[in-house]
Amino acid sequence: MWHSPGAMRDRPDLDVLDALLRRVRISTSHYGRVELGATSGVRVAGGPAASLRHVLEGELWLDVDGHQVRAGTGDLLVLPHGTSHVLRHRPGAIVDGGWPDPGAGTLSTRRRYGGAGPRTVVLCAELGLAGAARAPLLRALPPVVHLPAGDGEALPGLTGLVGLLREEIRASRPGAPLVAARLAELLLLKAVRSELERHAPAGSWRAALGDERVARALDAIFTTPERPWTVASLARVAGMGRATFAQCFRVLVGDTPIASLTWWRMEVAKSALRDEPHRTLADVATAVGYADEFAFASAFRRVVGVAPGAFRAGAG
């Protein structure tokens, strides 16, 4: 039985975000403490991990993609896409070098650049994102998420979380890497959620959640991709006529309902193939809405470019 408009929850936009956040996994690779003295900066190479930068002391100027962001003490900066960037003590400060590779198994590193005088101190963390929701979440997030500190802090609990994280890194007690990793993951998850709850820029798929009718259809797609959805049944969920729904969905989301459904099914399938080797192809096919593994394999090859079995072998 499909959802009916009356059976949907009060905030389908939040339901979609909840479904996505449940399908993302966060892992921590490294922490660092950077101290920038007078007129100094450090270049950080890009990579697959998301970057967290929390200003512990002073002011920080972040240069990324030709733009500059100023952050003060207590502010949190998140670079979800792992973009290369520069951290500076002052605008135009000389870049002393690059942030070094800490080496395998190193929990944290500490580096100081520049001269004496007022300094900028930044707690850094690099975190990996995985799971079916990684791609849609990254598509929904800007190059930099800036959460200022101060009265009515933008991220409730930020100060407490960062304090616990710093203590775990500094104390090096038994289990510190695991505890610190969980705290950093929670910090990133809260930051991502805070950004997703903001007003979305026009033209992004997240902006489509502002239309309650389309949001109901997206909720159906993201929460129950295994159902045999059609344009007509999604239109009924949205409470619209088929033709009107199809046109509205394409304008707001930027793709057709079926293309969006297929894309999400393949993201869920890729996650299952990578992370659950015990599941058969037939089981994965059923979980993403295909009657048999042959129809699933055909769709997977068309969208992903390789057969499911080859993808699983390559992912391993």
C-alpha atoms as a PDB file:
ATOM      1  CA  MET A   1       0.000   0.000   0.000  1.00  0.00           C
ATOM      2  CA  TRP A   2       1.352   3.403  -0.922  1.00  0.00           C
ATOM      3  CA  HIS A   3       1.366   6.452   1.314  1.00  0.00           C
ATOM      4  CA  SER A   4      -1.623   8.723   1.016  1.00  0.00           C
ATOM      5  CA  PRO A   5      -1.200  12.480   1.569  1.00  0.00           C
ATOM      6  CA  GLY A   6      -3.182  12.294   4.785  1.00  0.00           C
ATOM      7  CA  ALA A   7      -0.938   9.556   6.139  1.00  0.00           C
ATOM      8  CA  MET A   8       2.246  11.560   5.713  1.00  0.00           C
ATOM      9  CA  ARG A   9       3.917  13.189   8.679  1.00  0.00           C
ATOM     10  CA  ASP A  10       3.649  16.891   9.374  1.00  0.00           C
ATOM     11  CA  ARG A  11       7.102  17.837   7.995  1.00  0.00           C
ATOM     12  CA  PRO A  12       7.985  15.697   4.940  1.00  0.00           C
ATOM     13  CA  ASP A  13      11.061  17.880   4.345  1.00  0.00           C
ATOM     14  CA  LEU A  14      12.461  16.857   7.725  1.00  0.00           C
ATOM     15  CA  ASP A  15      11.503  13.242   7.061  1.00  0.00           C
ATOM     16  CA  VAL A  16      13.673  13.270   3.930  1.00  0.00           C
ATOM     17  CA  LEU A  17      16.633  14.699   5.820  1.00  0.00           C
ATOM     18  CA  ASP A  18      16.154  12.157   8.601  1.00  0.00           C
ATOM     19  CA  ALA A  19      16.152   9.327   6.050  1.00  0.00           C
ATOM     20  CA  LEU A  20      19.388  10.604   4.516  1.00  0.00           C
ATOM     21  CA  LEU A  21      21.199  11.133   7.819  1.00  0.00           C
ATOM     22  CA  ARG A  22      20.346   7.558   8.795  1.00  0.00           C
ATOM     23  CA  ARG A  23      22.100   6.303   5.670  1.00  0.00           C
ATOM     24  CA  VAL A  24      25.442   8.052   6.129  1.00  0.00           C
ATOM     25  CA  ARG A  25      28.414   6.684   8.078  1.00  0.00           C
ATOM     26  CA  ILE A  26      31.112   8.912   9.508  1.00  0.00           C
ATOM     27  CA  SER A  27      34.634   7.767  10.338  1.00  0.00           C
ATOM     28  CA  THR A  28      37.529   9.737  11.762  1.00  0.00           C
ATOM     29  CA  SER A  29      41.028   9.573  10.311  1.00  0.00           C
ATOM     30  CA  HIS A  30      43.036  12.241  12.102  1.00  0.00           C
ATOM     31  CA  TYR A  31      43.079  15.210  14.474  1.00  0.00           C
ATOM     32  CA  GLY A  32      45.439  18.133  14.535  1.00  0.00           C
ATOM     33  CA  ARG A  33      46.149  21.339  16.415  1.00  0.00           C
ATOM     34  CA  VAL A  34      47.483  24.211  14.336  1.00  0.00           C
ATOM     35  CA  GLU A  35      48.977  27.327  15.887  1.00  0.00           C
ATOM     36  CA  LEU A  36      49.444  30.253  13.508  1.00  0.00           C
ATOM     37  CA  GLY A  37      51.696  33.043  14.735  1.00  0.00           C
ATOM     38  CA  ALA A  38      52.245  36.484  13.236  1.00  0.00           C
ATOM     39  CA  THR A  39      51.662  36.728   9.481  1.00  0.00           C
ATOM     40  CA  SER A  40      51.650  32.985   8.835  1.00  0.00           C
ATOM     41  CA  GLY A  41      49.453  30.482   7.070  1.00  0.00           C
ATOM     42  CA  VAL A  42      49.360  26.796   6.185  1.00  0.00           C
ATOM     43  CA  ARG A  43      48.067  25.045   3.073  1.00  0.00           C
ATOM     44  CA  VAL A  44      45.931  21.927   3.491  1.00  0.00           C
ATOM     45  CA  ALA A  45      45.670  19.573   0.525  1.00  0.00           C
ATOM     46  CA  GLY A  46      42.298  18.321  -0.633  1.00  0.00           C
ATOM     47  CA  GLY A  47      41.167  14.749  -0.189  1.00  0.00           C
ATOM     48  CA  PRO A  48      38.155  12.469   0.197  1.00  0.00           C
ATOM     49  CA  ALA A  49      37.583  13.365   3.859  1.00  0.00           C
ATOM     50  CA  ALA A  50      35.440  16.170   5.194  1.00  0.00           C
ATOM     51  CA  SER A  51      37.353  18.770   7.214  1.00  0.00           C
ATOM     52  CA  LEU A  52      36.367  20.335  10.546  1.00  0.00           C
ATOM     53  CA  ARG A  53      38.098  23.503  11.737  1.00  0.00           C
ATOM     54  CA  HIS A  54      37.231  24.829  15.192  1.00  0.00           C
ATOM     55  CA  VAL A  55      38.834  28.123  16.240  1.00  0.00           C
ATOM     56  CA  LEU A  56      40.056  27.758  19.814  1.00  0.00           C
ATOM     57  CA  GLU A  57      41.819  31.106  20.043  1.00  0.00           C
ATOM     58  CA  GLY A  58      42.188  34.258  17.960  1.00  0.00           C
ATOM     59  CA  GLU A  59      40.862  34.879  14.455  1.00  0.00           C
ATOM     60  CA  LEU A  60      41.139  32.670  11.387  1.00  0.00           C
ATOM     61  CA  TRP A  61      40.929  33.492   7.685  1.00  0.00           C
ATOM     62  CA  LEU A  62      40.011  30.507   5.527  1.00  0.00           C
ATOM     63  CA  ASP A  63      40.729  30.739   1.792  1.00  0.00           C
ATOM     64  CA  VAL A  64      38.864  28.190  -0.336  1.00  0.00           C
ATOM     65  CA  ASP A  65      37.864  28.188  -4.003  1.00  0.00           C
ATOM     66  CA  GLY A  66      38.781  31.858  -4.393  1.00  0.00           C
ATOM     67  CA  HIS A  67      36.654  32.953  -1.432  1.00  0.00           C
ATOM     68  CA  GLN A  68      37.704  34.066   2.040  1.00  0.00           C
ATOM     69  CA  VAL A  69      35.827  33.327   5.256  1.00  0.00           C
ATOM     70  CA  ARG A  70      36.648  35.004   8.566  1.00  0.00           C
ATOM     71  CA  ALA A  71      36.028  32.987  11.728  1.00  0.00           C
ATOM     72  CA  GLY A  72      36.396  34.067  15.344  1.00  0.00           C
ATOM     73  CA  THR A  73      37.061  32.247  18.586  1.00  0.00           C
ATOM     74  CA  GLY A  74      34.548  29.459  19.088  1.00  0.00           C
ATOM     75  CA  ASP A  75      33.412  29.321  15.462  1.00  0.00           C
ATOM     76  CA  LEU A  76      33.158  26.006  13.631  1.00  0.00           C
ATOM     77  CA  LEU A  77      33.978  25.633   9.927  1.00  0.00           C
ATOM     78  CA  VAL A  78      33.124  22.483   7.985  1.00  0.00           C
ATOM     79  CA  LEU A  79      34.396  21.733   4.473  1.00  0.00           C
ATOM     80  CA  PRO A  80      32.192  18.756   3.525  1.00  0.00           C
ATOM     81  CA  HIS A  81      33.824  18.125   0.149  1.00  0.00           C
ATOM     82  CA  GLY A  82      37.407  17.878   1.388  1.00  0.00           C
ATOM     83  CA  THR A  83      38.431  20.858  -0.744  1.00  0.00           C
ATOM     84  CA  SER A  84      42.017  22.120  -0.565  1.00  0.00           C
ATOM     85  CA  HIS A  85      42.251  25.327   1.446  1.00  0.00           C
ATOM     86  CA  VAL A  86      44.537  27.739   3.270  1.00  0.00           C
ATOM     87  CA  LEU A  87      44.366  28.706   6.956  1.00  0.00           C
ATOM     88  CA  ARG A  88      45.756  32.179   7.729  1.00  0.00           C
ATOM     89  CA  HIS A  89      46.489  34.195  10.866  1.00  0.00           C
ATOM     90  CA  ARG A  90      45.647  37.404   8.985  1.00  0.00           C
ATOM     91  CA  PRO A  91      44.437  38.193   5.449  1.00  0.00           C
ATOM     92  CA  GLY A  92      47.323  37.928   2.999  1.00  0.00           C
ATOM     93  CA  ALA A  93      49.610  36.162   5.495  1.00  0.00           C
ATOM     94  CA  ILE A  94      52.486  34.197   3.961  1.00  0.00           C
ATOM     95  CA  VAL A  95      51.858  30.478   3.614  1.00  0.00           C
ATOM     96  CA  ASP A  96      54.753  28.732   5.371  1.00  0.00           C
ATOM     97  CA  GLY A  97      54.087  25.297   3.956  1.00  0.00           C
ATOM     98  CA  GLY A  98      51.659  22.428   3.780  1.00  0.00           C
ATOM     99  CA  TRP A  99      50.015  20.424   6.532  1.00  0.00           C
ATOM    100  CA  PRO A 100      52.126  17.228   6.688  1.00  0.00           C
ATOM    101  CA  ASP A 101      50.833  13.674   6.413  1.00  0.00           C
ATOM    102  CA  PRO A 102      50.611  12.465  10.024  1.00  0.00           C
ATOM    103  CA  GLY A 103      51.352   8.853   9.112  1.00  0.00           C
ATOM    104  CA  ALA A 104      49.307   5.732   9.726  1.00  0.00           C
ATOM    105  CA  GLY A 105      48.095   5.127  13.262  1.00  0.00           C
ATOM    106  CA  THR A 106      48.738   8.677  14.483  1.00  0.00           C
ATOM    107  CA  LEU A 107      45.803  10.024  16.480  1.00  0.00           C
ATOM    108  CA  SER A 108      46.849  13.655  16.441  1.00  0.00           C
ATOM    109  CA  THR A 109      49.607  16.030  15.462  1.00  0.00           C
ATOM    110  CA  ARG A 110      50.534  19.509  16.586  1.00  0.00           C
ATOM    111  CA  ARG A 111      52.155  22.174  14.421  1.00  0.00           C
ATOM    112  CA  ARG A 112      53.150  25.788  14.943  1.00  0.00           C
ATOM    113  CA  TYR A 113      53.849  28.290  12.192  1.00  0.00           C
ATOM    114  CA  GLY A 114      54.880  31.930  12.166  1.00  0.00           C
ATOM    115  CA  GLY A 115      56.359  34.289  14.702  1.00  0.00           C
ATOM    116  CA  ALA A 116      55.629  35.488  18.207  1.00  0.00           C
ATOM    117  CA  GLY A 117      52.746  37.656  19.357  1.00  0.00           C
ATOM    118  CA  PRO A 118      48.995  37.039  19.082  1.00  0.00           C
ATOM    119  CA  ARG A 119      48.228  33.633  17.673  1.00  0.00           C
ATOM    120  CA  THR A 120      45.417  31.713  16.066  1.00  0.00           C
ATOM    121  CA  VAL A 121      44.832  28.199  17.403  1.00  0.00           C
ATOM    122  CA  VAL A 122      42.690  25.778  15.422  1.00  0.00           C
ATOM    123  CA  LEU A 123      41.530  22.272  16.316  1.00  0.00           C
ATOM    124  CA  CYS A 124      41.304  20.223  13.111  1.00  0.00           C
ATOM    125  CA  ALA A 125      39.658  16.907  12.326  1.00  0.00           C
ATOM    126  CA  GLU A 126      39.399  14.943   9.087  1.00  0.00           C
ATOM    127  CA  LEU A 127      36.368  12.695   8.768  1.00  0.00           C
ATOM    128  CA  GLY A 128      35.290  10.261   6.074  1.00  0.00           C
ATOM    129  CA  LEU A 129      31.716  10.057   4.789  1.00  0.00           C
ATOM    130  CA  ALA A 130      30.327   6.815   3.406  1.00  0.00           C
ATOM    131  CA  GLY A 131      27.008   5.115   2.843  1.00  0.00           C
ATOM    132  CA  ALA A 132      24.175   5.513   0.370  1.00  0.00           C
ATOM    133  CA  ALA A 133      23.393   9.076   1.447  1.00  0.00           C
ATOM    134  CA  ARG A 134      26.933  10.408   0.913  1.00  0.00           C
ATOM    135  CA  ALA A 135      26.284  11.612  -2.647  1.00  0.00           C
ATOM    136  CA  PRO A 136      22.936  13.393  -2.035  1.00  0.00           C
ATOM    137  CA  LEU A 137      24.208  14.973   1.172  1.00  0.00           C
ATOM    138  CA  LEU A 138      27.323  16.335  -0.512  1.00  0.00           C
ATOM    139  CA  ARG A 139      25.162  17.657  -3.352  1.00  0.00           C
ATOM    140  CA  ALA A 140      23.071  19.484  -0.747  1.00  0.00           C
ATOM    141  CA  LEU A 141      25.970  21.063   1.144  1.00  0.00           C
ATOM    142  CA  PRO A 142      27.920  24.201   0.181  1.00  0.00           C
ATOM    143  CA  PRO A 143      31.746  24.317  -0.034  1.00  0.00           C
ATOM    144  CA  VAL A 144      31.942  25.754   3.504  1.00  0.00           C
ATOM    145  CA  VAL A 145      29.529  25.523   6.425  1.00  0.00           C
ATOM    146  CA  HIS A 146      30.214  28.322   8.931  1.00  0.00           C
ATOM    147  CA  LEU A 147      28.626  28.041  12.366  1.00  0.00           C
ATOM    148  CA  PRO A 148      29.475  31.122  14.470  1.00  0.00           C
ATOM    149  CA  ALA A 149      29.826  31.026  18.246  1.00  0.00           C
ATOM    150  CA  GLY A 150      28.390  33.632  20.579  1.00  0.00           C
ATOM    151  CA  ASP A 151      24.998  34.205  22.138  1.00  0.00           C
ATOM    152  CA  GLY A 152      22.489  31.584  21.118  1.00  0.00           C
ATOM    153  CA  GLU A 153      25.202  29.428  19.552  1.00  0.00           C
ATOM    154  CA  ALA A 154      24.249  28.137  16.124  1.00  0.00           C
ATOM    155  CA  LEU A 155      25.063  24.571  17.098  1.00  0.00           C
ATOM    156  CA  PRO A 156      23.675  23.772  20.575  1.00  0.00           C
ATOM    157  CA  GLY A 157      26.204  21.836  22.624  1.00  0.00           C
ATOM    158  CA  LEU A 158      29.146  22.828  20.396  1.00  0.00           C
ATOM    159  CA  THR A 159      31.313  24.168  23.225  1.00  0.00           C
ATOM    160  CA  GLY A 160      30.760  21.096  25.365  1.00  0.00           C
ATOM    161  CA  LEU A 161      31.440  18.643  22.551  1.00  0.00           C
ATOM    162  CA  VAL A 162      34.656  20.362  21.525  1.00  0.00           C
ATOM    163  CA  GLY A 163      35.807  20.494  25.151  1.00  0.00           C
ATOM    164  CA  LEU A 164      35.288  16.745  25.524  1.00  0.00           C
ATOM    165  CA  LEU A 165      37.062  16.117  22.211  1.00  0.00           C
ATOM    166  CA  ARG A 166      40.095  18.195  23.225  1.00  0.00           C
ATOM    167  CA  GLU A 167      40.301  16.400  26.570  1.00  0.00           C
ATOM    168  CA  GLU A 168      40.247  12.938  24.978  1.00  0.00           C
ATOM    169  CA  ILE A 169      42.981  13.883  22.507  1.00  0.00           C
ATOM    170  CA  ARG A 170      45.138  15.484  25.203  1.00  0.00           C
ATOM    171  CA  ALA A 171      44.745  12.821  27.912  1.00  0.00           C
ATOM    172  CA  SER A 172      45.572   9.784  25.707  1.00  0.00           C
ATOM    173  CA  ARG A 173      43.698   7.488  28.087  1.00  0.00           C
ATOM    174  CA  PRO A 174      42.760   3.905  27.142  1.00  0.00           C
ATOM    175  CA  GLY A 175      40.138   4.005  24.420  1.00  0.00           C
ATOM    176  CA  ALA A 176      40.813   7.680  23.660  1.00  0.00           C
ATOM    177  CA  PRO A 177      40.946   7.189  19.863  1.00  0.00           C
ATOM    178  CA  LEU A 178      37.514   5.522  19.870  1.00  0.00           C
ATOM    179  CA  VAL A 179      35.911   8.092  22.175  1.00  0.00           C
ATOM    180  CA  ALA A 180      37.464  11.009  20.270  1.00  0.00           C
ATOM    181  CA  ALA A 181      36.283   9.539  16.973  1.00  0.00           C
ATOM    182  CA  ARG A 182      32.703   9.242  18.218  1.00  0.00           C
ATOM    183  CA  LEU A 183      32.745  12.823  19.513  1.00  0.00           C
ATOM    184  CA  ALA A 184      34.079  14.160  16.198  1.00  0.00           C
ATOM    185  CA  GLU A 185      31.502  12.157  14.268  1.00  0.00           C
ATOM    186  CA  LEU A 186      28.721  13.561  16.440  1.00  0.00           C
ATOM    187  CA  LEU A 187      30.086  17.063  15.929  1.00  0.00           C
ATOM    188  CA  LEU A 188      30.061  16.654  12.149  1.00  0.00           C
ATOM    189  CA  LEU A 189      26.596  15.098  12.145  1.00  0.00           C
ATOM    190  CA  LYS A 190      25.185  17.987  14.191  1.00  0.00           C
ATOM    191  CA  ALA A 191      26.868  20.527  11.903  1.00  0.00           C
ATOM    192  CA  VAL A 192      25.485  18.852   8.774  1.00  0.00           C
ATOM    193  CA  ARG A 193      22.012  18.690  10.270  1.00  0.00           C
ATOM    194  CA  SER A 194      22.175  22.349  11.247  1.00  0.00           C
ATOM    195  CA  GLU A 195      23.094  23.337   7.683  1.00  0.00           C
ATOM    196  CA  LEU A 196      20.404  21.141   6.128  1.00  0.00           C
ATOM    197  CA  GLU A 197      17.764  22.796   8.277  1.00  0.00           C
ATOM    198  CA  ARG A 198      18.649  26.219   6.874  1.00  0.00           C
ATOM    199  CA  HIS A 199      16.901  27.798   3.914  1.00  0.00           C
ATOM    200  CA  ALA A 200      18.265  26.117   0.789  1.00  0.00           C
ATOM    201  CA  PRO A 201      19.634  28.127  -2.151  1.00  0.00           C
ATOM    202  CA  ALA A 202      17.399  28.256  -5.222  1.00  0.00           C
ATOM    203  CA  GLY A 203      18.167  25.598  -7.802  1.00  0.00           C
ATOM    204  CA  SER A 204      19.373  22.925  -5.347  1.00  0.00           C
ATOM    205  CA  TRP A 205      17.434  19.691  -4.922  1.00  0.00           C
ATOM    206  CA  ARG A 206      17.070  20.578  -1.256  1.00  0.00           C
ATOM    207  CA  ALA A 207      15.182  23.717  -2.248  1.00  0.00           C
ATOM    208  CA  ALA A 208      12.506  21.402  -3.653  1.00  0.00           C
ATOM    209  CA  LEU A 209      11.729  20.392  -0.073  1.00  0.00           C
ATOM    210  CA  GLY A 210      10.199  23.844   0.332  1.00  0.00           C
ATOM    211  CA  ASP A 211       7.278  22.625  -1.775  1.00  0.00           C
ATOM    212  CA  GLU A 212       5.321  20.356   0.561  1.00  0.00           C
ATOM    213  CA  ARG A 213       3.850  18.322  -2.292  1.00  0.00           C
ATOM    214  CA  VAL A 214       7.184  17.527  -3.921  1.00  0.00           C
ATOM    215  CA  ALA A 215       8.683  16.950  -0.470  1.00  0.00           C
ATOM    216  CA  ARG A 216       6.104  14.211   0.121  1.00  0.00           C
ATOM    217  CA  ALA A 217       7.180  12.492  -3.096  1.00  0.00           C
ATOM    218  CA  LEU A 218      10.868  12.809  -2.165  1.00  0.00           C
ATOM    219  CA  ASP A 219      10.081  11.377   1.251  1.00  0.00           C
ATOM    220  CA  ALA A 220       8.496   8.357  -0.454  1.00  0.00           C
ATOM    221  CA  ILE A 221      11.524   7.910  -2.735  1.00  0.00           C
ATOM    222  CA  PHE A 222      14.178   8.222  -0.037  1.00  0.00           C
ATOM    223  CA  THR A 223      12.447   6.272   2.729  1.00  0.00           C
ATOM    224  CA  THR A 224      10.895   3.426   0.708  1.00  0.00           C
ATOM    225  CA  PRO A 225      12.886   2.952  -2.538  1.00  0.00           C
ATOM    226  CA  GLU A 226      11.903  -0.727  -2.538  1.00  0.00           C
ATOM    227  CA  ARG A 227       8.270   0.056  -3.382  1.00  0.00           C
ATOM    228  CA  PRO A 228       7.101  -0.187  -7.019  1.00  0.00           C
ATOM    229  CA  TRP A 229       6.802   3.551  -7.484  1.00  0.00           C
ATOM    230  CA  THR A 230       5.535   5.038 -10.724  1.00  0.00           C
ATOM    231  CA  VAL A 231       5.008   8.658 -11.723  1.00  0.00           C
ATOM    232  CA  ALA A 232       1.279   8.140 -11.138  1.00  0.00           C
ATOM    233  CA  SER A 233       1.684   6.676  -7.646  1.00  0.00           C
ATOM    234  CA  LEU A 234       4.191   9.371  -6.635  1.00  0.00           C
ATOM    235  CA  ALA A 235       1.753  11.988  -7.935  1.00  0.00           C
ATOM    236  CA  ARG A 236      -0.936  10.520  -5.676  1.00  0.00           C
ATOM    237  CA  VAL A 237       1.431  10.784  -2.705  1.00  0.00           C
ATOM    238  CA  ALA A 238       2.045  14.421  -3.623  1.00  0.00           C
ATOM    239  CA  GLY A 239      -1.683  15.032  -4.016  1.00  0.00           C
ATOM    240  CA  MET A 240      -1.316  16.259  -7.598  1.00  0.00           C
ATOM    241  CA  GLY A 241      -2.325  15.238 -11.077  1.00  0.00           C
ATOM    242  CA  ARG A 242       0.236  13.130 -12.917  1.00  0.00           C
ATOM    243  CA  ALA A 243       1.224  15.660 -15.587  1.00  0.00           C
ATOM    244  CA  THR A 244       1.320  18.613 -13.183  1.00  0.00           C
ATOM    245  CA  PHE A 245       3.383  16.626 -10.697  1.00  0.00           C
ATOM    246  CA  ALA A 246       5.886  15.464 -13.307  1.00  0.00           C
ATOM    247  CA  GLN A 247       6.435  19.005 -14.552  1.00  0.00           C
ATOM    248  CA  CYS A 248       6.662  20.513 -11.067  1.00  0.00           C
ATOM    249  CA  PHE A 249       9.061  17.811  -9.871  1.00  0.00           C
ATOM    250  CA  ARG A 250      11.389  18.300 -12.827  1.00  0.00           C
ATOM    251  CA  VAL A 251      11.453  22.086 -12.411  1.00  0.00           C
ATOM    252  CA  LEU A 252      12.187  21.956  -8.672  1.00  0.00           C
ATOM    253  CA  VAL A 253      14.435  18.894  -8.458  1.00  0.00           C
ATOM    254  CA  GLY A 254      16.132  19.176 -11.836  1.00  0.00           C
ATOM    255  CA  ASP A 255      15.326  15.619 -12.932  1.00  0.00           C
ATOM    256  CA  THR A 256      12.329  13.390 -13.557  1.00  0.00           C
ATOM    257  CA  PRO A 257      10.729  11.443 -10.698  1.00  0.00           C
ATOM    258  CA  ILE A 258      11.782   8.082 -12.147  1.00  0.00           C
ATOM    259  CA  ALA A 259      15.345   9.228 -12.816  1.00  0.00           C
ATOM    260  CA  SER A 260      15.588  10.456  -9.215  1.00  0.00           C
ATOM    261  CA  LEU A 261      14.144   7.183  -7.927  1.00  0.00           C
ATOM    262  CA  THR A 262      16.535   5.100 -10.027  1.00  0.00           C
ATOM    263  CA  TRP A 263      19.541   7.174  -8.979  1.00  0.00           C
ATOM    264  CA  TRP A 264      18.702   6.755  -5.287  1.00  0.00           C
ATOM    265  CA  ARG A 265      18.077   3.033  -5.692  1.00  0.00           C
ATOM    266  CA  MET A 266      21.535   2.665  -7.217  1.00  0.00           C
ATOM    267  CA  GLU A 267      23.138   4.622  -4.355  1.00  0.00           C
ATOM    268  CA  VAL A 268      21.455   2.287  -1.850  1.00  0.00           C
ATOM    269  CA  ALA A 269      22.513  -0.728  -3.913  1.00  0.00           C
ATOM    270  CA  LYS A 270      26.133   0.436  -4.143  1.00  0.00           C
ATOM    271  CA  SER A 271      26.259   0.845  -0.379  1.00  0.00           C
ATOM    272  CA  ALA A 272      24.854  -2.668   0.140  1.00  0.00           C
ATOM    273  CA  LEU A 273      27.261  -4.218  -2.377  1.00  0.00           C
ATOM    274  CA  ARG A 274      30.252  -2.523  -0.728  1.00  0.00           C
ATOM    275  CA  ASP A 275      29.376  -3.056   2.904  1.00  0.00           C
ATOM    276  CA  GLU A 276      27.292  -6.239   3.080  1.00  0.00           C
ATOM    277  CA  PRO A 277      29.140  -8.996   1.202  1.00  0.00           C
ATOM    278  CA  HIS A 278      26.875 -11.672   2.675  1.00  0.00           C
ATOM    279  CA  ARG A 279      23.842 -10.343   0.773  1.00  0.00           C
ATOM    280  CA  THR A 280      23.050 -11.982  -2.559  1.00  0.00           C
ATOM    281  CA  LEU A 281      22.422  -9.937  -5.682  1.00  0.00           C
ATOM    282  CA  ALA A 282      18.811 -11.123  -5.610  1.00  0.00           C
ATOM    283  CA  ASP A 283      18.435  -9.826  -2.061  1.00  0.00           C
ATOM    284  CA  VAL A 284      19.941  -6.441  -2.968  1.00  0.00           C
ATOM    285  CA  ALA A 285      17.692  -6.268  -6.029  1.00  0.00           C
ATOM    286  CA  THR A 286      14.582  -6.827  -3.904  1.00  0.00           C
ATOM    287  CA  ALA A 287      15.729  -4.264  -1.337  1.00  0.00           C
ATOM    288  CA  VAL A 288      15.844  -1.552  -4.003  1.00  0.00           C
ATOM    289  CA  GLY A 289      12.623  -2.358  -5.780  1.00  0.00           C
ATOM    290  CA  TYR A 290      13.456  -4.820  -8.568  1.00  0.00           C
ATOM    291  CA  ALA A 291      11.504  -8.014  -9.092  1.00  0.00           C
ATOM    292  CA  ASP A 292      14.578 -10.031 -10.087  1.00  0.00           C
ATOM    293  CA  GLU A 293      18.342  -9.659 -10.182  1.00  0.00           C
ATOM    294  CA  PHE A 294      18.425  -9.534 -13.995  1.00  0.00           C
ATOM    295  CA  ALA A 295      16.334  -6.362 -14.177  1.00  0.00           C
ATOM    296  CA  PHE A 296      18.412  -4.937 -11.328  1.00  0.00           C
ATOM    297  CA  ALA A 297      21.706  -5.828 -13.028  1.00  0.00           C
ATOM    298  CA  SER A 298      20.573  -4.176 -16.252  1.00  0.00           C
ATOM    299  CA  ALA A 299      19.589  -0.959 -14.472  1.00  0.00           C
ATOM    300  CA  PHE A 300      22.746  -0.971 -12.363  1.00  0.00           C
ATOM    301  CA  ARG A 301      24.995  -1.383 -15.410  1.00  0.00           C
ATOM    302  CA  ARG A 302      23.157   1.410 -17.220  1.00  0.00           C
ATOM    303  CA  VAL A 303      23.447   3.886 -14.336  1.00  0.00           C
ATOM    304  CA  VAL A 304      26.757   2.925 -12.713  1.00  0.00           C
ATOM    305  CA  GLY A 305      28.609   1.696 -15.784  1.00  0.00           C
ATOM    306  CA  VAL A 306      29.598  -1.760 -14.506  1.00  0.00           C
ATOM    307  CA  ALA A 307      27.766  -4.920 -13.478  1.00  0.00           C
ATOM    308  CA  PRO A 308      26.857  -5.313  -9.777  1.00  0.00           C
ATOM    309  CA  GLY A 309      29.249  -8.234  -9.356  1.00  0.00           C
ATOM    310  CA  ALA A 310      32.145  -6.297 -10.868  1.00  0.00           C
ATOM    311  CA  PHE A 311      31.335  -3.299  -8.678  1.00  0.00           C
ATOM    312  CA  ARG A 312      31.349  -5.486  -5.557  1.00  0.00           C
ATOM    313  CA  ALA A 313      34.680  -7.068  -6.526  1.00  0.00           C
ATOM    314  CA  GLY A 314      36.222  -3.657  -7.190  1.00  0.00           C
ATOM    315  CA  ALA A 315      34.895  -2.212  -3.951  1.00  0.00           C
ATOM    316  CA  GLY A 316      36.578  -4.964  -2.009  1.00  0.00           C
END
